[in-house]
Protein backbone atom coordinates (compact mmCIF):
# COMPACT_ATOMS: atom_id res chain seq x y z
CA UNK A 1 69.32 100.67 79.68
CA UNK A 2 69.19 101.80 75.81
CA UNK A 3 65.80 101.87 74.16
CA UNK A 4 66.62 99.27 72.24
CA UNK A 5 67.39 96.76 75.09
CA UNK A 6 63.87 98.33 76.92
CA UNK A 7 61.89 97.41 73.91
CA UNK A 8 63.84 93.60 73.82
CA UNK A 9 62.83 93.39 77.82
CA UNK A 10 59.48 94.65 77.40
CA UNK A 11 58.93 92.22 74.44
CA UNK A 12 60.15 89.19 76.27
CA UNK A 13 58.19 90.00 79.82
CA UNK A 14 55.39 90.54 77.54
CA UNK A 15 55.36 87.49 75.42
CA UNK A 16 57.21 84.94 77.47
CA UNK A 17 55.19 85.96 81.29
CA UNK A 18 55.15 82.41 82.06
CA UNK A 19 58.62 81.48 81.89
CA UNK A 20 59.55 84.29 83.36
CA UNK A 21 56.84 83.43 86.61
CA UNK A 22 58.38 80.17 86.38
CA UNK A 23 61.66 81.61 86.42
CA UNK A 24 61.29 83.50 89.54
CA UNK A 25 59.68 81.09 91.52
CA UNK A 26 62.70 78.50 91.09
CA UNK A 27 64.89 81.43 92.03
CA UNK A 28 62.86 81.94 95.24
CA UNK A 29 62.13 78.40 96.09
CA UNK A 30 66.21 77.60 95.49
CA UNK A 31 67.64 80.12 97.83
CA UNK A 32 64.75 79.63 100.40
CA UNK A 33 66.07 75.99 100.64
CA UNK A 34 69.41 77.04 100.70
CA UNK A 35 68.62 78.28 103.68
CA UNK A 36 66.89 75.49 105.52
CA UNK A 37 68.63 72.35 107.00
CA UNK A 38 67.87 70.99 103.37
CA UNK A 39 70.10 73.09 101.29
CA UNK A 40 71.34 69.89 99.65
CA UNK A 41 68.00 69.98 98.03
CA UNK A 42 68.43 73.84 96.32
CA UNK A 43 69.55 71.92 92.93
CA UNK A 44 66.36 70.12 92.45
CA UNK A 45 63.78 72.96 91.55
CA UNK A 46 66.41 74.51 88.99
CA UNK A 47 66.46 70.59 87.14
CA UNK A 48 63.00 69.92 87.71
CA UNK A 49 62.36 73.51 85.49
CA UNK A 50 64.70 72.32 83.15
CA UNK A 51 63.29 68.99 83.03
CA UNK A 52 59.32 70.73 82.65
CA UNK A 53 61.04 73.02 80.09
CA UNK A 54 62.41 70.50 78.27
CA UNK A 55 59.26 68.52 78.13
CA UNK A 56 56.98 71.94 77.10
CA UNK A 57 59.36 71.55 73.84
CA UNK A 58 59.08 67.72 73.34
CA UNK A 59 55.76 66.30 75.36
CA UNK A 60 55.69 63.28 73.21
CA UNK A 61 59.22 62.19 75.43
CA UNK A 62 56.90 62.79 78.70
CA UNK A 63 54.65 60.42 76.79
CA UNK A 64 56.77 57.79 76.27
CA UNK A 65 58.38 58.38 79.91
CA UNK A 66 54.53 57.34 81.64
CA UNK A 67 54.37 54.12 78.97
CA UNK A 68 57.74 53.19 80.36
CA UNK A 69 57.02 53.59 83.88
CA UNK A 70 54.02 51.67 83.70
CA UNK A 71 55.36 48.05 84.80
CA UNK A 72 56.96 50.17 87.86
CA UNK A 73 54.12 51.43 89.70
CA UNK A 74 54.95 49.89 93.05
CA UNK A 75 57.80 52.88 92.78
CA UNK A 76 56.82 55.48 90.97
CA UNK A 77 55.35 57.04 93.62
CA UNK A 78 56.44 59.20 96.58
CA UNK A 79 56.73 57.41 100.28
CA UNK A 80 53.44 57.37 102.92
CA UNK A 81 50.42 59.32 102.75
CA UNK A 82 51.62 61.04 99.62
CA UNK A 83 52.18 57.43 97.67
CA UNK A 84 49.13 58.38 95.48
CA UNK A 85 51.19 61.42 94.00
CA UNK A 86 53.17 59.76 91.16
CA UNK A 87 55.81 60.78 88.58
CA UNK A 88 53.59 59.76 85.77
CA UNK A 89 50.52 62.07 87.27
CA UNK A 90 53.53 64.66 87.37
CA UNK A 91 54.02 64.05 83.91
CA UNK A 92 51.10 64.20 82.46
CA UNK A 93 49.57 66.75 83.98
CA UNK A 94 52.48 68.99 82.88
CA UNK A 95 52.09 67.65 79.10
CA UNK A 96 48.22 68.14 79.54
CA UNK A 97 48.88 71.59 80.43
CA UNK A 98 51.81 71.91 77.37
CA UNK A 99 48.68 70.30 74.93
CA UNK A 100 45.70 72.86 76.15
CA UNK A 101 48.49 75.72 75.34
CA UNK A 102 48.95 74.26 71.81
CA UNK A 103 45.18 74.45 71.01
CA UNK A 104 44.73 77.79 72.36
CA UNK A 105 47.72 79.02 70.18
CA UNK A 106 46.63 76.65 66.91
CA UNK A 107 49.97 75.00 67.40
CA UNK A 108 48.18 71.35 66.68
CA UNK A 109 45.91 71.96 63.54
CA UNK A 110 47.38 69.08 62.21
CA UNK A 111 46.41 66.42 65.34
CA UNK A 112 44.16 64.17 63.95
CA UNK A 113 42.50 63.20 67.24
CA UNK A 114 39.33 61.32 65.36
CA UNK A 115 38.02 57.57 66.59
CA UNK A 116 35.12 55.64 65.88
CA UNK A 117 35.21 55.65 69.50
CA UNK A 118 34.32 58.86 71.07
CA UNK A 119 30.78 58.25 71.01
CA UNK A 120 30.83 55.01 73.12
CA UNK A 121 33.54 56.81 75.41
CA UNK A 122 30.89 59.65 76.02
CA UNK A 123 27.77 57.24 76.84
CA UNK A 124 29.54 54.87 78.76
CA UNK A 125 30.54 57.89 80.87
CA UNK A 126 27.51 59.26 81.04
CA UNK A 127 26.01 55.65 81.93
CA UNK A 128 28.53 55.51 84.94
CA UNK A 129 27.93 58.72 86.04
CA UNK A 130 24.23 58.34 86.54
CA UNK A 131 25.06 54.89 88.24
CA UNK A 132 27.55 56.99 90.41
CA UNK A 133 24.57 59.29 91.21
CA UNK A 134 22.00 56.86 92.62
CA UNK A 135 24.91 54.63 94.04
CA UNK A 136 25.28 54.38 98.31
CA UNK A 137 28.46 54.81 97.97
CA UNK A 138 28.88 57.91 95.93
CA UNK A 139 32.46 59.22 96.98
CA UNK A 140 33.70 55.43 96.28
CA UNK A 141 32.09 55.90 92.69
CA UNK A 142 33.31 59.25 92.02
CA UNK A 143 36.83 58.26 92.68
CA UNK A 144 36.12 55.42 89.90
CA UNK A 145 34.84 57.76 87.60
CA UNK A 146 38.18 59.99 88.19
CA UNK A 147 40.11 57.10 87.25
CA UNK A 148 37.64 56.39 84.06
CA UNK A 149 38.53 60.29 83.21
CA UNK A 150 42.28 59.77 83.37
CA UNK A 151 41.99 56.94 81.25
CA UNK A 152 40.28 58.77 78.78
CA UNK A 153 43.30 61.37 78.23
CA UNK A 154 45.78 58.53 78.01
CA UNK A 155 43.95 57.80 74.88
CA UNK A 156 43.26 61.45 73.77
CA UNK A 157 47.29 61.57 74.30
CA UNK A 158 48.08 58.37 72.71
CA UNK A 159 46.27 59.61 69.64
CA UNK A 160 48.11 62.75 69.63
CA UNK A 161 51.45 61.60 70.39
CA UNK A 162 51.85 58.34 68.66
CA UNK A 163 53.39 58.87 65.09
CA UNK A 164 54.32 55.94 62.17
CA UNK A 165 57.54 56.04 63.71
CA UNK A 166 56.43 56.05 67.06
CA UNK A 167 54.14 53.17 66.42
CA UNK A 168 56.53 50.98 64.37
CA UNK A 169 59.43 51.63 66.94
CA UNK A 170 59.85 53.50 69.55
CA UNK A 171 56.76 52.23 71.17
CA UNK A 172 57.67 48.51 70.92
CA UNK A 173 61.25 49.30 71.86
CA UNK A 174 59.40 51.04 75.41
CA UNK A 175 57.15 48.15 75.73
CA UNK A 176 59.65 45.23 75.53
CA UNK A 177 62.66 47.14 77.54
CA UNK A 178 60.63 48.68 79.91
CA UNK A 179 58.88 44.96 80.87
CA UNK A 180 61.94 43.07 80.47
CA UNK A 181 63.95 45.11 83.08
CA UNK A 182 61.34 44.67 85.67
CA UNK A 183 61.15 40.80 84.60
CA UNK A 184 65.03 40.28 85.02
CA UNK A 185 65.02 42.12 88.29
CA UNK A 186 61.65 39.76 89.73
CA UNK A 187 64.32 36.82 88.72
CA UNK A 188 67.25 38.22 90.64
CA UNK A 189 64.83 39.23 93.50
CA UNK A 190 63.13 35.80 93.51
CA UNK A 191 66.94 34.16 93.43
CA UNK A 192 68.56 36.52 95.91
CA UNK A 193 65.66 37.17 98.21
CA UNK A 194 65.12 40.61 97.41
CA UNK A 195 61.66 41.74 98.83
CA UNK A 196 61.61 44.82 97.06
CA UNK A 197 60.80 42.54 94.04
CA UNK A 198 58.94 39.32 95.61
CA UNK A 199 56.17 38.83 97.95
CA UNK A 200 54.69 36.06 100.30
CA UNK A 201 51.33 34.69 99.72
CA UNK A 202 49.72 31.47 100.74
CA UNK A 203 49.32 28.36 98.68
CA UNK A 204 47.00 25.89 98.39
CA UNK A 205 48.85 23.74 101.72
CA UNK A 206 48.87 26.80 103.59
CA UNK A 207 52.54 27.18 103.20
CA UNK A 208 54.59 30.22 102.11
CA UNK A 209 54.80 30.57 99.34
CA UNK A 210 57.49 33.10 97.24
CA UNK A 211 56.14 34.96 94.18
CA UNK A 212 57.92 37.28 91.89
CA UNK A 213 56.22 40.61 91.50
CA UNK A 214 59.22 42.49 89.67
CA UNK A 215 58.65 46.29 89.99
CA UNK A 216 54.81 45.65 90.39
CA UNK A 217 52.19 45.54 93.09
CA UNK A 218 51.07 42.26 92.50
CA UNK A 219 52.38 38.90 91.01
CA UNK A 220 48.94 38.58 88.69
CA UNK A 221 48.73 41.89 87.25
CA UNK A 222 52.81 41.87 86.38
CA UNK A 223 52.24 38.26 85.01
CA UNK A 224 49.75 40.22 82.45
CA UNK A 225 51.82 43.02 81.85
CA UNK A 226 54.42 40.57 80.75
CA UNK A 227 52.22 38.32 78.43
CA UNK A 228 51.05 41.52 76.64
CA UNK A 229 54.91 42.08 75.72
CA UNK A 230 55.49 38.53 74.64
CA UNK A 231 53.48 39.32 70.84
CA UNK A 232 56.04 41.74 70.15
CA UNK A 233 59.17 40.05 71.32
CA UNK A 234 57.82 37.25 68.84
CA UNK A 235 57.95 40.32 65.79
CA UNK A 236 60.87 41.00 66.77
CA UNK A 237 62.11 37.98 66.62
CA UNK A 238 60.74 37.48 63.33
CA UNK A 239 60.95 40.64 61.60
CA UNK A 240 64.71 40.97 62.74
CA UNK A 241 66.64 40.68 59.89
CA UNK A 242 70.58 39.86 61.84
CA UNK A 243 71.26 37.63 63.68
CA UNK A 244 71.88 39.44 66.38
CA UNK A 245 68.36 40.86 66.93
CA UNK A 246 67.00 37.42 67.14
CA UNK A 247 69.50 36.24 69.94
CA UNK A 248 68.47 39.38 71.69
CA UNK A 249 64.89 38.87 71.26
CA UNK A 250 64.89 35.09 72.09
CA UNK A 251 66.93 36.02 75.15
CA UNK A 252 64.57 38.18 76.68
CA UNK A 253 61.58 36.34 75.35
CA UNK A 254 62.81 33.23 78.11
CA UNK A 255 63.80 35.92 80.69
CA UNK A 256 60.28 36.86 80.65
CA UNK A 257 58.77 33.33 80.61
CA UNK A 258 60.68 32.69 83.70
CA UNK A 259 59.33 35.78 85.02
CA UNK A 260 55.97 34.43 84.33
CA UNK A 261 56.30 30.93 86.20
CA UNK A 262 58.05 32.93 89.12
CA UNK A 263 55.29 34.86 89.82
CA UNK A 264 53.10 31.08 90.34
CA UNK A 265 49.84 33.05 88.43
CA UNK A 266 47.50 30.33 87.72
CA UNK A 267 45.54 32.54 85.65
CA UNK A 268 49.07 33.53 83.78
CA UNK A 269 49.74 30.32 82.80
CA UNK A 270 46.48 29.74 81.26
CA UNK A 271 46.52 33.26 79.80
CA UNK A 272 50.09 32.19 78.59
CA UNK A 273 49.03 28.90 76.62
CA UNK A 274 46.88 30.53 75.00
CA UNK A 275 48.44 33.41 73.80
CA UNK A 276 51.64 31.13 72.41
CA UNK A 277 49.07 29.31 70.39
CA UNK A 278 48.34 32.91 68.95
CA UNK A 279 51.63 33.40 68.42
CA UNK A 280 52.08 30.45 66.60
CA UNK A 281 49.18 30.81 64.53
CA UNK A 282 49.86 34.43 63.84
CA UNK A 283 53.66 33.35 62.63
CA UNK A 284 52.93 29.68 60.95
CA UNK A 285 53.40 30.82 57.80
CA UNK A 286 56.63 31.88 58.19
CA UNK A 287 58.09 28.94 59.18
CA UNK A 288 59.52 26.99 56.11
CA UNK A 289 59.41 22.99 55.79
CA UNK A 290 63.42 23.10 56.50
CA UNK A 291 62.98 24.56 59.60
CA UNK A 292 60.14 22.28 60.85
CA UNK A 293 62.80 19.67 62.02
CA UNK A 294 64.86 22.49 64.45
CA UNK A 295 61.45 24.07 65.65
CA UNK A 296 60.54 20.09 66.64
CA UNK A 297 63.83 19.89 68.26
CA UNK A 298 63.48 22.65 70.19
CA UNK A 299 60.31 21.92 71.17
CA UNK A 300 61.61 18.85 72.53
CA UNK A 301 64.23 20.68 74.45
CA UNK A 302 62.03 23.45 76.20
CA UNK A 303 59.59 20.91 77.35
CA UNK A 304 62.29 18.57 78.84
CA UNK A 305 64.14 21.67 80.47
CA UNK A 306 60.33 22.86 81.98
CA UNK A 307 59.94 18.82 83.35
CA UNK A 308 63.50 19.11 84.98
CA UNK A 309 64.10 22.54 85.76
CA UNK A 310 60.43 23.97 87.08
CA UNK A 311 59.97 23.77 90.53
CA UNK A 312 57.73 21.19 91.80
CA UNK A 313 55.72 23.94 93.66
CA UNK A 314 55.09 25.34 90.75
CA UNK A 315 53.11 22.88 89.38
CA UNK A 316 51.40 22.01 92.86
CA UNK A 317 49.93 25.43 92.16
CA UNK A 318 48.80 24.76 88.70
CA UNK A 319 46.85 21.76 89.88
CA UNK A 320 44.99 23.84 92.43
CA UNK A 321 42.49 25.41 89.67
CA UNK A 322 40.76 22.28 89.75
CA UNK A 323 40.77 21.54 93.53
CA UNK A 324 37.65 24.43 94.61
CA UNK A 325 36.04 22.38 97.33
CA UNK A 326 39.64 22.25 99.07
CA UNK A 327 41.65 25.65 97.86
CA UNK A 328 40.22 28.43 99.51
CA UNK A 329 41.40 31.22 96.88
CA UNK A 330 39.66 29.39 93.75
CA UNK A 331 36.09 28.47 96.29
CA UNK A 332 36.26 32.24 96.77
CA UNK A 333 36.55 33.56 93.39
CA UNK A 334 33.49 31.35 92.27
CA UNK A 335 32.30 33.09 94.90
CA UNK A 336 32.70 36.15 93.24
CA UNK A 337 30.08 34.63 90.77
CA UNK A 338 27.61 33.86 92.49
CA UNK A 339 27.78 36.94 93.96
CA UNK A 340 27.83 38.89 91.32
CA UNK A 341 25.03 37.24 89.91
CA UNK A 342 23.01 37.92 93.07
CA UNK A 343 23.96 41.93 92.98
CA UNK A 344 23.12 41.90 88.95
CA UNK A 345 19.65 40.87 89.60
CA UNK A 346 19.18 43.40 92.11
CA UNK A 347 19.99 46.40 89.85
CA UNK A 348 20.33 45.02 86.31
CA UNK A 349 19.89 48.36 84.25
CA UNK A 350 22.22 50.87 86.80
CA UNK A 351 24.51 48.86 89.03
CA UNK A 352 25.56 49.35 92.49
CA UNK A 353 27.84 52.72 91.26
CA UNK A 354 31.65 52.38 89.65
CA UNK A 355 34.19 50.88 91.49
CA UNK A 356 31.40 49.17 94.49
CA UNK A 357 32.15 45.76 93.89
CA UNK A 358 34.09 45.25 96.72
CA UNK A 359 32.24 47.16 99.01
CA UNK A 360 28.99 45.22 98.33
CA UNK A 361 30.52 41.96 98.42
CA UNK A 362 31.83 42.71 101.89
CA UNK A 363 28.24 42.64 103.14
CA UNK A 364 27.66 39.38 101.80
CA UNK A 365 27.66 35.74 103.37
CA UNK A 366 30.52 34.63 100.95
CA UNK A 367 32.91 37.39 102.42
CA UNK A 368 31.88 36.08 106.04
CA UNK A 369 32.38 32.53 105.27
CA UNK A 370 35.81 32.96 103.14
CA UNK A 371 37.32 36.16 105.66
CA UNK A 372 40.39 35.36 107.27
CA UNK A 373 40.43 38.89 109.00
CA UNK A 374 38.20 41.91 109.24
CA UNK A 375 40.14 43.44 106.49
CA UNK A 376 39.63 40.33 104.14
CA UNK A 377 35.86 41.29 103.77
CA UNK A 378 36.29 43.45 101.05
CA UNK A 379 37.71 41.71 97.95
CA UNK A 380 37.29 42.75 93.76
CA UNK A 381 36.00 40.69 91.49
CA UNK A 382 38.86 39.21 90.07
CA UNK A 383 36.93 39.85 86.80
CA UNK A 384 36.55 42.74 84.67
CA UNK A 385 33.50 41.97 83.38
CA UNK A 386 31.93 40.84 86.34
CA UNK A 387 32.85 44.30 87.73
CA UNK A 388 31.59 46.37 84.88
CA UNK A 389 28.15 44.50 85.01
CA UNK A 390 27.93 44.52 88.62
CA UNK A 391 28.65 48.07 89.13
CA UNK A 392 27.13 49.67 86.39
CA UNK A 393 24.37 47.45 85.02
CA UNK A 394 23.57 45.60 81.67
CA UNK A 395 23.53 49.06 79.15
CA UNK A 396 27.37 49.70 80.39
CA UNK A 397 28.56 46.45 79.95
CA UNK A 398 26.74 45.90 76.22
CA UNK A 399 28.66 49.40 75.53
CA UNK A 400 31.78 48.17 76.96
CA UNK A 401 31.56 45.26 74.54
CA UNK A 402 30.88 47.72 71.82
CA UNK A 403 34.29 49.34 72.54
CA UNK A 404 36.20 46.11 72.35
CA UNK A 405 34.66 45.08 69.39
CA UNK A 406 35.35 48.45 67.72
CA UNK A 407 38.89 48.32 68.59
CA UNK A 408 39.37 44.55 67.13
CA UNK A 409 37.49 45.90 63.96
CA UNK A 410 40.30 48.63 63.80
CA UNK A 411 43.02 46.54 64.00
CA UNK A 412 41.75 43.37 61.49
CA UNK A 413 40.61 46.04 59.01
CA UNK A 414 43.93 48.00 59.42
CA UNK A 415 46.00 44.46 58.91
CA UNK A 416 44.12 43.61 55.51
CA UNK A 417 44.37 47.09 54.35
CA UNK A 418 48.18 46.69 54.54
CA UNK A 419 48.71 43.30 53.62
CA UNK A 420 46.30 44.20 50.30
CA UNK A 421 48.96 47.35 49.57
CA UNK A 422 51.72 45.23 50.32
CA UNK A 423 53.12 46.20 53.55
CA UNK A 424 53.58 42.91 55.17
CA UNK A 425 56.05 43.71 57.51
CA UNK A 426 53.27 46.89 59.17
CA UNK A 427 50.34 44.03 58.55
CA UNK A 428 52.99 41.84 61.23
CA UNK A 429 53.15 44.28 63.48
CA UNK A 430 49.77 45.21 63.74
CA UNK A 431 49.05 41.66 64.00
CA UNK A 432 51.05 41.65 67.03
CA UNK A 433 49.48 44.74 68.98
CA UNK A 434 46.07 42.73 68.46
CA UNK A 435 47.52 39.67 69.93
CA UNK A 436 48.84 41.65 72.85
CA UNK A 437 45.53 42.98 73.31
CA UNK A 438 43.55 39.77 72.67
CA UNK A 439 45.83 38.53 75.89
CA UNK A 440 44.37 41.66 78.32
CA UNK A 441 40.97 40.65 76.96
CA UNK A 442 41.27 36.86 77.67
CA UNK A 443 43.18 37.93 81.50
CA UNK A 444 40.27 40.59 82.20
CA UNK A 445 38.22 37.08 82.90
CA UNK A 446 41.00 36.99 85.90
CA UNK A 447 41.78 40.55 87.00
CA UNK A 448 40.02 43.57 87.99
CA UNK A 449 42.20 45.87 86.09
CA UNK A 450 39.52 47.92 83.86
CA UNK A 451 41.65 51.11 83.59
CA UNK A 452 45.16 49.33 82.76
CA UNK A 453 46.96 51.68 80.58
CA UNK A 454 47.89 48.85 78.25
CA UNK A 455 44.27 48.10 77.62
CA UNK A 456 43.20 51.98 76.99
CA UNK A 457 46.52 52.87 74.95
CA UNK A 458 45.73 49.21 72.82
CA UNK A 459 41.95 50.99 72.17
CA UNK A 460 44.35 53.77 70.68
CA UNK A 461 46.39 51.64 69.01
CA UNK A 462 43.72 50.19 66.94
CA UNK A 463 42.39 53.35 65.95
CA UNK A 464 46.10 54.38 64.86
CA UNK A 465 46.50 51.14 63.08
CA UNK A 466 43.65 52.20 60.95
CA UNK A 467 44.65 55.59 60.23
CA UNK A 468 48.29 54.76 59.14
CA UNK A 469 46.80 52.21 56.94
CA UNK A 470 44.43 54.75 55.77
CA UNK A 471 47.00 56.97 54.48
CA UNK A 472 48.41 54.64 51.67
CA UNK A 473 46.85 55.87 48.43
CA UNK A 474 43.92 54.09 48.12
CA UNK A 475 43.98 53.04 51.62
CA UNK A 476 39.91 53.22 52.41
CA UNK A 477 38.51 50.33 53.80
CA UNK A 478 35.69 48.30 51.38
CA UNK A 479 33.81 45.90 53.42
CA UNK A 480 32.68 44.28 50.41
CA UNK A 481 35.92 44.12 49.05
CA UNK A 482 37.99 41.09 48.79
CA UNK A 483 41.42 41.52 50.26
CA UNK A 484 44.16 38.37 51.01
CA UNK A 485 44.41 37.85 54.78
């Protein structure tokens, strides 16, 4: 080997030792697999390393992959005891390593991770940590803190990877496509009895009821995801300048509405009605007088189709919301509120520990009254706000509400700034994101899903929206100034 070649090899091995180790590892694993009955999998390590190297140079694609896979939570993990190992976790772990190296090599100097919520996050974490230390269920609380830490990381990488183009085009496209795909699969599963996309539960008459879940694990959570998607679809319809774009948006909107109905979610029906009203308020100014007759006709057609084509079992289930004495599920949900108040009075400051609601509820007389079997004693609160206040006390709950208020304020200020500078399309998009966020906040009254990724990246999107608005020349927000809304 010549001196020049030796020098090049030495420079390569010293500058890129990590890449060399990866390649050697892949070769060893692939050769090892060739000598086993699993030789057909020998190509997988090579493909995996190529994928990781691609993400190393383009980590934003890994982030968008994680967002795309959110509605596929039932099928993105391994099987059996390793179900907790998911594609999202592998990709997220690798992205975290890449970001760490980028920071160490000073390649991310221009990244803006500033937020008016970091200090609140720190206080929220400290309170929950202290609550975990004092909890009777320490290890359960510790795992809950792990989930909170992951949520913070997701917030962090969202601030890093979402640019103006990502905010305006890439992210809405990914959200709409991923949720619409699982909505379509849920309809197919419901029509052809495919158990992969449906589940059975019990209705008020104790008869089996088939419910659509899509690629999620819970019909109520699935319903919340679809409703989160609707404001973005509405924005796509009103912002599209081509008939084909509007036609696709309407088609996807209908598919998502059908999927919501097939979940038979009672909470979903309530939140859907509120969100449709919010969407109407958001876009009411875009309707012209000449369009009112057309819109009225469409509404009449929609009402007629709902009356004749929605199955009677759906309306029976919705009516059961008011039948608290005969409907076991509704009675149990009311019991969560009674028990929550009693539990809060016992630990009003620091709570019972993060993630412990189901544990302490299982010891109550309510659990014994409503339980069908032994495992049925453990029940979530079906209310994220209730869980926060019971598990970590009043101070934590106040901080949680302040975080939400800061996010709504960020969205509002960003929309006002965009409108004041004539960027109506950006203002409308911010309004759509805000409505999606509000849908999740409303659903929090009916779901225990505090660490839902849509919630946490909505918090980050509120900060990004304000950041983009403030980049406009003269874009600093002044609370005393008067802007056109």
